[in-house]
Every structure is written in C-alpha cells, then in structure tokens.
Amino acid sequence: MYILIRDDIPLGKAITAAAHASLAMYLKFQDKPEVKHWLDPGPFKKVICKVTAQEFEKLKGSVIPYVVLRESTLDNQEVALAFLPQITYPKIFRFLRLYKENE
C-alpha cells in the first residue's frame, strides 16, 4: 500500500495521518480481492512517501482507488492519500520520495 503525505504537514500530524490512512484504506476496501491478497500471507507492506502539493493533486487523478485523509486541527486540510494495494503500480509511484524525518 502506498501512503502519500503532503510535505507541508508537521511531522507529528504526518505520523498520525499515516496511521489513520492505513486503517481508512483497509476499512474502505477490506472486501476487495487486492486487500485480501495484500493481507495473506502478509506482511502487508506499506510505503510512506512525502509529496509536494502538486504531486498530491496529480495523484488524486490516479486510476487506482484511494482514500483521502483530512486533519481537523489543520482546518480540515487534505493531508494524506492511501491507495488500494496493487501488485504493480503506475510508473509515477517509483519516483516518489520516501518519507524521511530529516528531509
């Protein structure tokens, strides 16, 4: 599963958003075969990426189903996207930056 966090979100809120995004994706798509495949036999891998506002908006046009997470303490701003797990993702996903604390 890819989880994308906007790069202008404070670290503490980003960590919370990533956790909520994982659960929200599961709850929305738990009956989909892609989720069942992702869970069985595990390890239900997640990739957390830090994206610009432009990348965030561009990826909202993805053909892969996703959920959008908002943060109530940031005026209900969109902060994260969590995509339905796939065996292969479109090429654009390979060029996203992994989320690292000091970047």
Protein backbone atom coordinates (compact mmCIF):
# COMPACT_ATOMS: atom_id res chain seq x y z
CA MET A 1 0.00 0.00 0.00
CA TYR A 2 1.27 3.46 -0.84
CA ILE A 3 0.51 6.23 1.64
CA LEU A 4 1.35 9.73 0.46
CA ILE A 5 1.78 12.55 2.97
CA ARG A 6 1.98 16.19 1.92
CA ASP A 7 5.42 17.65 2.63
CA ASP A 8 3.99 20.77 4.29
CA ILE A 9 2.37 18.78 7.12
CA PRO A 10 4.16 18.93 10.52
CA LEU A 11 5.88 15.67 11.49
CA GLY A 12 3.57 14.82 14.41
CA LYS A 13 0.47 15.28 12.25
CA ALA A 14 2.12 13.32 9.41
CA ILE A 15 2.71 10.31 11.67
CA THR A 16 -0.91 10.38 12.79
CA ALA A 17 -2.11 10.79 9.19
CA ALA A 18 -0.09 7.76 8.07
CA ALA A 19 -1.63 5.59 10.80
CA HIS A 20 -5.14 6.80 10.04
CA ALA A 21 -4.58 6.39 6.29
CA SER A 22 -3.63 2.74 6.67
CA LEU A 23 -6.73 1.98 8.71
CA ALA A 24 -9.03 4.07 6.48
CA MET A 25 -7.82 2.25 3.36
CA TYR A 26 -8.41 -1.11 5.00
CA LEU A 27 -11.89 -0.20 6.24
CA LYS A 28 -12.98 1.20 2.87
CA PHE A 29 -11.61 -1.62 0.72
CA GLN A 30 -11.47 -4.64 3.06
CA ASP A 31 -13.71 -6.76 0.83
CA LYS A 32 -11.66 -6.14 -2.33
CA PRO A 33 -9.53 -9.04 -3.61
CA GLU A 34 -6.47 -6.75 -3.70
CA VAL A 35 -6.72 -6.25 0.07
CA LYS A 36 -7.21 -9.95 0.73
CA HIS A 37 -4.10 -10.67 -1.38
CA TRP A 38 -2.16 -7.93 0.46
CA LEU A 39 -3.06 -9.42 3.86
CA ASP A 40 -2.49 -13.09 3.03
CA PRO A 41 0.08 -14.33 3.87
CA GLY A 42 1.38 -10.90 4.86
CA PRO A 43 3.43 -8.87 5.61
CA PHE A 44 1.00 -6.25 4.20
CA LYS A 45 3.78 -3.89 3.14
CA LYS A 46 3.30 -0.13 3.30
CA VAL A 47 5.37 2.54 1.55
CA ILE A 48 5.13 6.04 3.03
CA CYS A 49 6.10 8.87 0.69
CA LYS A 50 6.42 12.62 1.16
CA VAL A 51 4.91 14.55 -1.77
CA THR A 52 4.54 18.16 -2.80
CA ALA A 53 1.11 19.77 -3.05
CA GLN A 54 1.38 19.47 -6.84
CA GLU A 55 2.22 15.75 -6.71
CA PHE A 56 -0.61 15.25 -4.22
CA GLU A 57 -3.15 16.83 -6.57
CA LYS A 58 -1.79 14.97 -9.60
CA LEU A 59 -2.02 11.60 -7.84
CA LYS A 60 -5.63 12.29 -6.84
CA GLY A 61 -6.31 11.72 -10.55
CA SER A 62 -4.94 8.18 -10.32
CA VAL A 63 -6.84 5.24 -11.74
CA ILE A 64 -6.05 3.30 -8.55
CA PRO A 65 -8.76 3.67 -5.90
CA TYR A 66 -7.68 5.59 -2.79
CA VAL A 67 -8.91 7.34 0.33
CA VAL A 68 -8.22 10.96 1.25
CA LEU A 69 -7.40 11.85 4.84
CA ARG A 70 -8.13 15.26 6.33
CA GLU A 71 -6.79 16.79 9.54
CA SER A 72 -9.34 18.55 11.71
CA THR A 73 -6.67 20.53 13.57
CA LEU A 74 -5.43 21.93 10.24
CA ASP A 75 -8.79 23.36 9.15
CA ASN A 76 -9.83 20.01 7.66
CA GLN A 77 -6.97 20.21 5.15
CA GLU A 78 -6.26 17.16 2.98
CA VAL A 79 -3.04 15.66 4.34
CA ALA A 80 -2.71 12.09 3.04
CA LEU A 81 -3.77 9.64 0.35
CA ALA A 82 -3.80 5.86 0.87
CA PHE A 83 -4.01 3.73 -2.26
CA LEU A 84 -5.60 0.31 -2.66
CA PRO A 85 -2.74 -2.24 -2.65
CA GLN A 86 -1.62 -3.33 -6.11
CA ILE A 87 0.77 -5.96 -7.43
CA THR A 88 2.22 -3.29 -9.73
CA TYR A 89 1.75 0.45 -9.57
CA PRO A 90 1.95 3.04 -12.34
CA LYS A 91 5.47 4.27 -13.10
CA ILE A 92 4.96 7.60 -11.31
CA PHE A 93 4.93 5.84 -7.93
CA ARG A 94 8.54 4.66 -8.43
CA PHE A 95 9.75 8.27 -8.50
CA LEU A 96 8.13 9.44 -5.26
CA ARG A 97 10.37 10.31 -2.29
CA LEU A 98 10.27 8.01 0.70
CA TYR A 99 9.24 9.81 3.87
CA LYS A 100 12.32 10.51 5.98
CA GLU A 101 12.33 12.55 9.16
CA ASN A 102 15.17 14.90 8.25
CA GLU A 103 14.13 15.82 4.72
